PDB file of N, CA and C in Angstrom:
ATOM      1  N   MET A   1     -39.820 -29.005  20.452  1.00  0.00           N
ATOM      2  CA  MET A   1     -39.552 -27.736  21.111  1.00  0.00           C
ATOM      3  C   MET A   1     -40.079 -26.594  20.263  1.00  0.00           C
ATOM      4  N   THR A   2     -40.557 -25.616  20.938  1.00  0.00           N
ATOM      5  CA  THR A   2     -41.067 -24.448  20.240  1.00  0.00           C
ATOM      6  C   THR A   2     -40.073 -23.299  20.359  1.00  0.00           C
ATOM      7  N   TYR A   3     -40.364 -22.258  19.629  1.00  0.00           N
ATOM      8  CA  TYR A   3     -39.511 -21.077  19.657  1.00  0.00           C
ATOM      9  C   TYR A   3     -39.450 -20.478  21.057  1.00  0.00           C
ATOM     10  N   GLU A   4     -40.597 -20.456  21.751  1.00  0.00           N
ATOM     11  CA  GLU A   4     -40.639 -19.885  23.103  1.00  0.00           C
ATOM     12  C   GLU A   4     -39.790 -20.698  24.064  1.00  0.00           C
ATOM     13  N   ASP A   5     -39.811 -22.038  23.932  1.00  0.00           N
ATOM     14  CA  ASP A   5     -38.987 -22.888  24.786  1.00  0.00           C
ATOM     15  C   ASP A   5     -37.508 -22.616  24.549  1.00  0.00           C
ATOM     16  N   ASP A   6     -37.137 -22.488  23.274  1.00  0.00           N
ATOM     17  CA  ASP A   6     -35.743 -22.206  22.946  1.00  0.00           C
ATOM     18  C   ASP A   6     -35.312 -20.844  23.478  1.00  0.00           C
ATOM     19  N   ALA A   7     -36.164 -19.852  23.328  1.00  0.00           N
ATOM     20  CA  ALA A   7     -35.841 -18.505  23.803  1.00  0.00           C
ATOM     21  C   ALA A   7     -35.702 -18.488  25.315  1.00  0.00           C
ATOM     22  N   ALA A   8     -36.569 -19.203  26.014  1.00  0.00           N
ATOM     23  CA  ALA A   8     -36.489 -19.259  27.474  1.00  0.00           C
ATOM     24  C   ALA A   8     -35.210 -19.956  27.922  1.00  0.00           C
ATOM     25  N   LYS A   9     -34.862 -21.043  27.254  1.00  0.00           N
ATOM     26  CA  LYS A   9     -33.639 -21.781  27.600  1.00  0.00           C
ATOM     27  C   LYS A   9     -32.407 -20.913  27.336  1.00  0.00           C
ATOM     28  N   LEU A  10     -32.396 -20.209  26.208  1.00  0.00           N
ATOM     29  CA  LEU A  10     -31.276 -19.328  25.887  1.00  0.00           C
ATOM     30  C   LEU A  10     -31.152 -18.212  26.911  1.00  0.00           C
ATOM     31  N   HIS A  11     -32.274 -17.646  27.326  1.00  0.00           N
ATOM     32  CA  HIS A  11     -32.252 -16.578  28.334  1.00  0.00           C
ATOM     33  C   HIS A  11     -31.723 -17.109  29.659  1.00  0.00           C
ATOM     34  N   GLU A  12     -32.123 -18.321  30.006  1.00  0.00           N
ATOM     35  CA  GLU A  12     -31.659 -18.939  31.253  1.00  0.00           C
ATOM     36  C   GLU A  12     -30.154 -19.188  31.219  1.00  0.00           C
ATOM     37  N   ILE A  13     -29.667 -19.704  30.100  1.00  0.00           N
ATOM     38  CA  ILE A  13     -28.229 -19.974  29.966  1.00  0.00           C
ATOM     39  C   ILE A  13     -27.429 -18.680  29.955  1.00  0.00           C
ATOM     40  N   SER A  14     -27.971 -17.646  29.313  1.00  0.00           N
ATOM     41  CA  SER A  14     -27.218 -16.392  29.184  1.00  0.00           C
ATOM     42  C   SER A  14     -27.012 -15.703  30.525  1.00  0.00           C
ATOM     43  N   ARG A  15     -27.860 -15.958  31.498  1.00  0.00           N
ATOM     44  CA  ARG A  15     -27.670 -15.359  32.827  1.00  0.00           C
ATOM     45  C   ARG A  15     -26.419 -15.892  33.506  1.00  0.00           C
ATOM     46  N   GLU A  16     -26.001 -17.099  33.154  1.00  0.00           N
ATOM     47  CA  GLU A  16     -24.836 -17.709  33.784  1.00  0.00           C
ATOM     48  C   GLU A  16     -23.518 -17.298  33.134  1.00  0.00           C
ATOM     49  N   LEU A  17     -23.581 -16.660  31.979  1.00  0.00           N
ATOM     50  CA  LEU A  17     -22.363 -16.258  31.269  1.00  0.00           C
ATOM     51  C   LEU A  17     -21.738 -15.034  31.913  1.00  0.00           C
ATOM     52  N   PRO A  18     -20.413 -14.919  31.859  1.00  0.00           N
ATOM     53  CA  PRO A  18     -19.779 -13.725  32.404  1.00  0.00           C
ATOM     54  C   PRO A  18     -20.093 -12.502  31.537  1.00  0.00           C
ATOM     55  N   ALA A  19     -20.001 -11.357  32.147  1.00  0.00           N
ATOM     56  CA  ALA A  19     -20.279 -10.118  31.424  1.00  0.00           C
ATOM     57  C   ALA A  19     -19.186  -9.862  30.384  1.00  0.00           C
ATOM     58  N   ILE A  20     -19.560  -9.235  29.284  1.00  0.00           N
ATOM     59  CA  ILE A  20     -18.610  -8.901  28.227  1.00  0.00           C
ATOM     60  C   ILE A  20     -17.795  -7.700  28.681  1.00  0.00           C
ATOM     61  N   ASP A  21     -16.486  -7.785  28.537  1.00  0.00           N
ATOM     62  CA  ASP A  21     -15.641  -6.674  28.962  1.00  0.00           C
ATOM     63  C   ASP A  21     -15.183  -5.835  27.767  1.00  0.00           C
ATOM     64  N   LEU A  22     -16.120  -5.538  26.871  1.00  0.00           N
ATOM     65  CA  LEU A  22     -15.859  -4.677  25.721  1.00  0.00           C
ATOM     66  C   LEU A  22     -16.620  -3.379  25.887  1.00  0.00           C
ATOM     67  N   ASP A  23     -16.058  -2.336  25.325  1.00  0.00           N
ATOM     68  CA  ASP A  23     -16.824  -1.094  25.319  1.00  0.00           C
ATOM     69  C   ASP A  23     -17.933  -1.212  24.272  1.00  0.00           C
ATOM     70  N   ALA A  24     -18.907  -0.353  24.354  1.00  0.00           N
ATOM     71  CA  ALA A  24     -20.085  -0.445  23.495  1.00  0.00           C
ATOM     72  C   ALA A  24     -19.734  -0.292  22.015  1.00  0.00           C
ATOM     73  N   THR A  25     -18.764   0.559  21.708  1.00  0.00           N
ATOM     74  CA  THR A  25     -18.381   0.784  20.313  1.00  0.00           C
ATOM     75  C   THR A  25     -17.780  -0.478  19.704  1.00  0.00           C
ATOM     76  N   SER A  26     -16.890  -1.122  20.420  1.00  0.00           N
ATOM     77  CA  SER A  26     -16.272  -2.354  19.918  1.00  0.00           C
ATOM     78  C   SER A  26     -17.296  -3.468  19.780  1.00  0.00           C
ATOM     79  N   ALA A  27     -18.170  -3.583  20.739  1.00  0.00           N
ATOM     80  CA  ALA A  27     -19.190  -4.629  20.677  1.00  0.00           C
ATOM     81  C   ALA A  27     -20.110  -4.413  19.480  1.00  0.00           C
ATOM     82  N   GLU A  28     -20.489  -3.175  19.224  1.00  0.00           N
ATOM     83  CA  GLU A  28     -21.361  -2.891  18.084  1.00  0.00           C
ATOM     84  C   GLU A  28     -20.654  -3.163  16.760  1.00  0.00           C
ATOM     85  N   ARG A  29     -19.366  -2.845  16.684  1.00  0.00           N
ATOM     86  CA  ARG A  29     -18.587  -3.092  15.464  1.00  0.00           C
ATOM     87  C   ARG A  29     -18.477  -4.593  15.202  1.00  0.00           C
ATOM     88  N   ILE A  30     -18.230  -5.377  16.249  1.00  0.00           N
ATOM     89  CA  ILE A  30     -18.142  -6.835  16.106  1.00  0.00           C
ATOM     90  C   ILE A  30     -19.492  -7.406  15.675  1.00  0.00           C
ATOM     91  N   ALA A  31     -20.569  -6.927  16.288  1.00  0.00           N
ATOM     92  CA  ALA A  31     -21.903  -7.408  15.930  1.00  0.00           C
ATOM     93  C   ALA A  31     -22.242  -7.054  14.486  1.00  0.00           C
ATOM     94  N   PHE A  32     -21.866  -5.876  14.051  1.00  0.00           N
ATOM     95  CA  PHE A  32     -22.129  -5.450  12.672  1.00  0.00           C
ATOM     96  C   PHE A  32     -21.424  -6.353  11.682  1.00  0.00           C
ATOM     97  N   ARG A  33     -20.135  -6.654  11.943  1.00  0.00           N
ATOM     98  CA  ARG A  33     -19.376  -7.540  11.050  1.00  0.00           C
ATOM     99  C   ARG A  33     -19.952  -8.945  11.043  1.00  0.00           C
ATOM    100  N   ALA A  34     -20.386  -9.425  12.195  1.00  0.00           N
ATOM    101  CA  ALA A  34     -20.953 -10.775  12.277  1.00  0.00           C
ATOM    102  C   ALA A  34     -22.268 -10.850  11.502  1.00  0.00           C
ATOM    103  N   ARG A  35     -23.093  -9.810  11.581  1.00  0.00           N
ATOM    104  CA  ARG A  35     -24.369  -9.811  10.867  1.00  0.00           C
ATOM    105  C   ARG A  35     -24.164  -9.803   9.357  1.00  0.00           C
ATOM    106  N   GLN A  36     -23.082  -9.209   8.881  1.00  0.00           N
ATOM    107  CA  GLN A  36     -22.806  -9.185   7.447  1.00  0.00           C
ATOM    108  C   GLN A  36     -22.537 -10.583   6.908  1.00  0.00           C
ATOM    109  N   ASP A  37     -21.948 -11.450   7.721  1.00  0.00           N
ATOM    110  CA  ASP A  37     -21.562 -12.783   7.272  1.00  0.00           C
ATOM    111  C   ASP A  37     -22.658 -13.837   7.439  1.00  0.00           C
ATOM    112  N   VAL A  38     -23.700 -13.533   8.165  1.00  0.00           N
ATOM    113  CA  VAL A  38     -24.755 -14.507   8.417  1.00  0.00           C
ATOM    114  C   VAL A  38     -25.495 -14.810   7.111  1.00  0.00           C
ATOM    115  N   GLY A  39     -25.588 -16.084   6.784  1.00  0.00           N
ATOM    116  CA  GLY A  39     -26.328 -16.515   5.607  1.00  0.00           C
ATOM    117  C   GLY A  39     -25.549 -16.462   4.309  1.00  0.00           C
ATOM    118  N   ARG A  40     -24.291 -16.092   4.352  1.00  0.00           N
ATOM    119  CA  ARG A  40     -23.481 -16.023   3.133  1.00  0.00           C
ATOM    120  C   ARG A  40     -22.654 -17.287   2.979  1.00  0.00           C
ATOM    121  N   ALA A  41     -22.440 -17.650   1.748  1.00  0.00           N
ATOM    122  CA  ALA A  41     -21.575 -18.797   1.454  1.00  0.00           C
ATOM    123  C   ALA A  41     -20.118 -18.377   1.626  1.00  0.00           C
ATOM    124  N   PRO A  42     -19.211 -19.323   1.844  1.00  0.00           N
ATOM    125  CA  PRO A  42     -17.796 -18.971   1.960  1.00  0.00           C
ATOM    126  C   PRO A  42     -17.286 -18.318   0.682  1.00  0.00           C
ATOM    127  N   SER A  43     -16.313 -17.479   0.836  1.00  0.00           N
ATOM    128  CA  SER A  43     -15.723 -16.778  -0.301  1.00  0.00           C
ATOM    129  C   SER A  43     -15.035 -17.772  -1.234  1.00  0.00           C
ATOM    130  N   ALA A  44     -15.087 -17.481  -2.520  1.00  0.00           N
ATOM    131  CA  ALA A  44     -14.421 -18.339  -3.501  1.00  0.00           C
ATOM    132  C   ALA A  44     -12.901 -18.239  -3.368  1.00  0.00           C
ATOM    133  N   LYS A  45     -12.417 -17.171  -2.776  1.00  0.00           N
ATOM    134  CA  LYS A  45     -10.971 -16.986  -2.604  1.00  0.00           C
ATOM    135  C   LYS A  45     -10.356 -18.060  -1.718  1.00  0.00           C
ATOM    136  N   ARG A  46     -11.128 -18.618  -0.814  1.00  0.00           N
ATOM    137  CA  ARG A  46     -10.541 -19.598   0.101  1.00  0.00           C
ATOM    138  C   ARG A  46     -10.246 -20.928  -0.582  1.00  0.00           C
ATOM    139  N   PHE A  47     -10.702 -21.119  -1.821  1.00  0.00           N
ATOM    140  CA  PHE A  47     -10.435 -22.345  -2.560  1.00  0.00           C
ATOM    141  C   PHE A  47      -9.237 -22.223  -3.495  1.00  0.00           C
ATOM    142  N   ILE A  48      -8.685 -21.034  -3.622  1.00  0.00           N
ATOM    143  CA  ILE A  48      -7.574 -20.816  -4.549  1.00  0.00           C
ATOM    144  C   ILE A  48      -6.333 -21.579  -4.121  1.00  0.00           C
ATOM    145  N   GLU A  49      -5.942 -21.475  -2.864  1.00  0.00           N
ATOM    146  CA  GLU A  49      -4.733 -22.154  -2.393  1.00  0.00           C
ATOM    147  C   GLU A  49      -4.816 -23.676  -2.540  1.00  0.00           C
ATOM    148  N   PRO A  50      -5.918 -24.329  -2.143  1.00  0.00           N
ATOM    149  CA  PRO A  50      -5.990 -25.777  -2.343  1.00  0.00           C
ATOM    150  C   PRO A  50      -5.928 -26.182  -3.816  1.00  0.00           C
ATOM    151  N   VAL A  51      -6.513 -25.377  -4.699  1.00  0.00           N
ATOM    152  CA  VAL A  51      -6.474 -25.694  -6.131  1.00  0.00           C
ATOM    153  C   VAL A  51      -5.042 -25.604  -6.650  1.00  0.00           C
ATOM    154  N   ILE A  52      -4.328 -24.555  -6.252  1.00  0.00           N
ATOM    155  CA  ILE A  52      -2.931 -24.403  -6.682  1.00  0.00           C
ATOM    156  C   ILE A  52      -2.085 -25.549  -6.135  1.00  0.00           C
ATOM    157  N   ALA A  53      -2.293 -25.911  -4.872  1.00  0.00           N
ATOM    158  CA  ALA A  53      -1.533 -27.020  -4.280  1.00  0.00           C
ATOM    159  C   ALA A  53      -1.826 -28.331  -4.998  1.00  0.00           C
ATOM    160  N   THR A  54      -3.074 -28.552  -5.377  1.00  0.00           N
ATOM    161  CA  THR A  54      -3.439 -29.769  -6.104  1.00  0.00           C
ATOM    162  C   THR A  54      -2.780 -29.809  -7.474  1.00  0.00           C
ATOM    163  N   ILE A  55      -2.756 -28.684  -8.158  1.00  0.00           N
ATOM    164  CA  ILE A  55      -2.123 -28.628  -9.485  1.00  0.00           C
ATOM    165  C   ILE A  55      -0.630 -28.913  -9.379  1.00  0.00           C
ATOM    166  N   VAL A  56       0.035 -28.278  -8.425  1.00  0.00           N
ATOM    167  CA  VAL A  56       1.475 -28.484  -8.263  1.00  0.00           C
ATOM    168  C   VAL A  56       1.773 -29.929  -7.883  1.00  0.00           C
ATOM    169  N   THR A  57       1.038 -30.467  -6.928  1.00  0.00           N
ATOM    170  CA  THR A  57       1.256 -31.846  -6.492  1.00  0.00           C
ATOM    171  C   THR A  57       0.953 -32.833  -7.615  1.00  0.00           C
ATOM    172  N   GLY A  58      -0.125 -32.595  -8.333  1.00  0.00           N
ATOM    173  CA  GLY A  58      -0.481 -33.483  -9.438  1.00  0.00           C
ATOM    174  C   GLY A  58       0.545 -33.475 -10.544  1.00  0.00           C
ATOM    175  N   SER A  59       1.036 -32.292 -10.880  1.00  0.00           N
ATOM    176  CA  SER A  59       2.049 -32.233 -11.944  1.00  0.00           C
ATOM    177  C   SER A  59       3.344 -32.910 -11.505  1.00  0.00           C
ATOM    178  N   TYR A  60       3.713 -32.750 -10.236  1.00  0.00           N
ATOM    179  CA  TYR A  60       4.914 -33.422  -9.723  1.00  0.00           C
ATOM    180  C   TYR A  60       4.715 -34.940  -9.740  1.00  0.00           C
ATOM    181  N   ALA A  61       3.528 -35.414  -9.390  1.00  0.00           N
ATOM    182  CA  ALA A  61       3.257 -36.857  -9.389  1.00  0.00           C
ATOM    183  C   ALA A  61       3.314 -37.410 -10.811  1.00  0.00           C
ATOM    184  N   VAL A  62       2.777 -36.691 -11.773  1.00  0.00           N
ATOM    185  CA  VAL A  62       2.848 -37.132 -13.175  1.00  0.00           C
ATOM    186  C   VAL A  62       4.289 -37.181 -13.642  1.00  0.00           C
ATOM    187  N   TRP A  63       5.072 -36.161 -13.302  1.00  0.00           N
ATOM    188  CA  TRP A  63       6.488 -36.133 -13.681  1.00  0.00           C
ATOM    189  C   TRP A  63       7.230 -37.328 -13.065  1.00  0.00           C
ATOM    190  N   ALA A  64       6.945 -37.632 -11.781  1.00  0.00           N
ATOM    191  CA  ALA A  64       7.608 -38.746 -11.103  1.00  0.00           C
ATOM    192  C   ALA A  64       7.245 -40.075 -11.756  1.00  0.00           C
ATOM    193  N   VAL A  65       5.988 -40.258 -12.116  1.00  0.00           N
ATOM    194  CA  VAL A  65       5.563 -41.498 -12.776  1.00  0.00           C
ATOM    195  C   VAL A  65       6.248 -41.634 -14.128  1.00  0.00           C
ATOM    196  N   LEU A  66       6.332 -40.535 -14.877  1.00  0.00           N
ATOM    197  CA  LEU A  66       7.021 -40.578 -16.174  1.00  0.00           C
ATOM    198  C   LEU A  66       8.494 -40.922 -16.014  1.00  0.00           C
ATOM    199  N   LYS A  67       9.144 -40.394 -14.988  1.00  0.00           N
ATOM    200  CA  LYS A  67      10.561 -40.703 -14.768  1.00  0.00           C
ATOM    201  C   LYS A  67      10.745 -42.181 -14.365  1.00  0.00           C
ATOM    202  N   VAL A  68       9.830 -42.711 -13.583  1.00  0.00           N
ATOM    203  CA  VAL A  68       9.916 -44.124 -13.229  1.00  0.00           C
ATOM    204  C   VAL A  68       9.733 -44.992 -14.459  1.00  0.00           C
ATOM    205  N   LEU A  69       8.757 -44.646 -15.287  1.00  0.00           N
ATOM    206  CA  LEU A  69       8.529 -45.402 -16.509  1.00  0.00           C
ATOM    207  C   LEU A  69       9.732 -45.283 -17.459  1.00  0.00           C
ATOM    208  N   GLU A  70      10.364 -44.116 -17.499  1.00  0.00           N
ATOM    209  CA  GLU A  70      11.539 -43.907 -18.314  1.00  0.00           C
ATOM    210  C   GLU A  70      12.706 -44.759 -17.817  1.00  0.00           C
ATOM    211  N   ALA A  71      12.841 -44.874 -16.492  1.00  0.00           N
ATOM    212  CA  ALA A  71      13.920 -45.667 -15.933  1.00  0.00           C
ATOM    213  C   ALA A  71      13.684 -47.157 -16.164  1.00  0.00           C
ATOM    214  N   LEU A  72      12.451 -47.578 -16.204  1.00  0.00           N
ATOM    215  CA  LEU A  72      12.152 -49.000 -16.426  1.00  0.00           C
ATOM    216  C   LEU A  72      12.294 -49.398 -17.895  1.00  0.00           C
ATOM    217  N   SER A  73      12.265 -48.433 -18.794  1.00  0.00           N
ATOM    218  CA  SER A  73      12.339 -48.773 -20.218  1.00  0.00           C
ATOM    219  C   SER A  73      13.731 -49.068 -20.681  1.00  0.00           C
TER     220      SER A  73
END
Protein backbone atom coordinates (compact mmCIF):
# COMPACT_ATOMS: atom_id res chain seq x y z
CA MET A 1 0.00 0.00 0.00
CA THR A 2 1.13 3.47 -0.74
CA TYR A 3 0.57 6.70 1.10
CA GLU A 4 -2.07 7.78 -1.44
CA ASP A 5 -4.00 4.52 -0.94
CA ASP A 6 -3.95 4.99 2.82
CA ALA A 7 -5.04 8.62 2.54
CA ALA A 8 -7.90 7.70 0.21
CA LYS A 9 -9.07 4.90 2.51
CA LEU A 10 -8.90 7.21 5.54
CA HIS A 11 -10.89 9.88 3.69
CA GLU A 12 -13.49 7.29 2.71
CA ILE A 13 -13.84 6.00 6.27
CA SER A 14 -13.99 9.51 7.74
CA ARG A 15 -17.09 10.35 5.69
CA GLU A 16 -19.00 7.67 7.60
CA LEU A 17 -18.08 9.03 11.05
CA PRO A 18 -20.54 11.21 12.94
CA ALA A 19 -19.82 14.90 13.17
CA ILE A 20 -17.90 16.15 16.21
CA ASP A 21 -20.15 18.02 18.61
CA LEU A 22 -17.40 20.23 20.05
CA ASP A 23 -16.97 23.91 19.60
CA ALA A 24 -13.93 25.00 17.62
CA THR A 25 -12.04 26.26 20.68
CA SER A 26 -12.34 22.96 22.55
CA ALA A 27 -11.42 20.94 19.49
CA GLU A 28 -8.32 23.05 18.89
CA ARG A 29 -7.27 22.74 22.55
CA ILE A 30 -7.65 18.94 22.43
CA ALA A 31 -5.70 18.76 19.16
CA PHE A 32 -2.93 20.94 20.60
CA ARG A 33 -2.56 18.69 23.67
CA ALA A 34 -2.57 15.56 21.52
CA ARG A 35 0.15 16.95 19.23
CA GLN A 36 2.37 17.63 22.24
CA ASP A 37 2.33 13.95 23.21
CA VAL A 38 2.97 12.48 19.76
CA GLY A 39 6.38 10.82 19.58
CA ARG A 40 7.19 11.19 23.28
CA ALA A 41 8.08 8.35 25.58
CA PRO A 42 5.91 7.77 28.66
CA SER A 43 6.71 9.89 31.68
CA ALA A 44 9.09 8.42 34.24
CA LYS A 45 6.57 9.36 36.94
CA ARG A 46 4.26 6.55 35.89
CA PHE A 47 6.84 3.98 37.08
CA ILE A 48 7.11 5.34 40.62
CA GLU A 49 4.03 3.59 42.03
CA PRO A 50 4.95 0.11 40.69
CA VAL A 51 8.50 0.49 42.05
CA ILE A 52 7.21 1.45 45.50
CA ALA A 53 4.72 -1.44 45.46
CA THR A 54 7.50 -3.86 44.47
CA ILE A 55 9.75 -2.64 47.29
CA VAL A 56 6.99 -2.93 49.89
CA THR A 57 5.88 -6.37 48.67
CA GLY A 58 9.45 -7.63 48.43
CA SER A 59 10.36 -6.48 51.91
CA TYR A 60 7.20 -8.09 53.32
CA ALA A 61 8.03 -11.35 51.50
CA VAL A 62 11.58 -11.34 52.90
CA TRP A 63 10.24 -10.68 56.41
CA ALA A 64 7.73 -13.55 56.03
CA VAL A 65 10.43 -15.97 54.86
CA LEU A 66 12.65 -14.98 57.79
CA LYS A 67 9.79 -15.55 60.24
CA VAL A 68 9.09 -18.98 58.75
CA LEU A 69 12.75 -19.90 59.00
CA GLU A 70 12.80 -18.60 62.58
CA ALA A 71 9.78 -20.74 63.46
CA LEU A 72 11.38 -23.84 61.94
CA SER A 73 14.61 -23.39 63.90
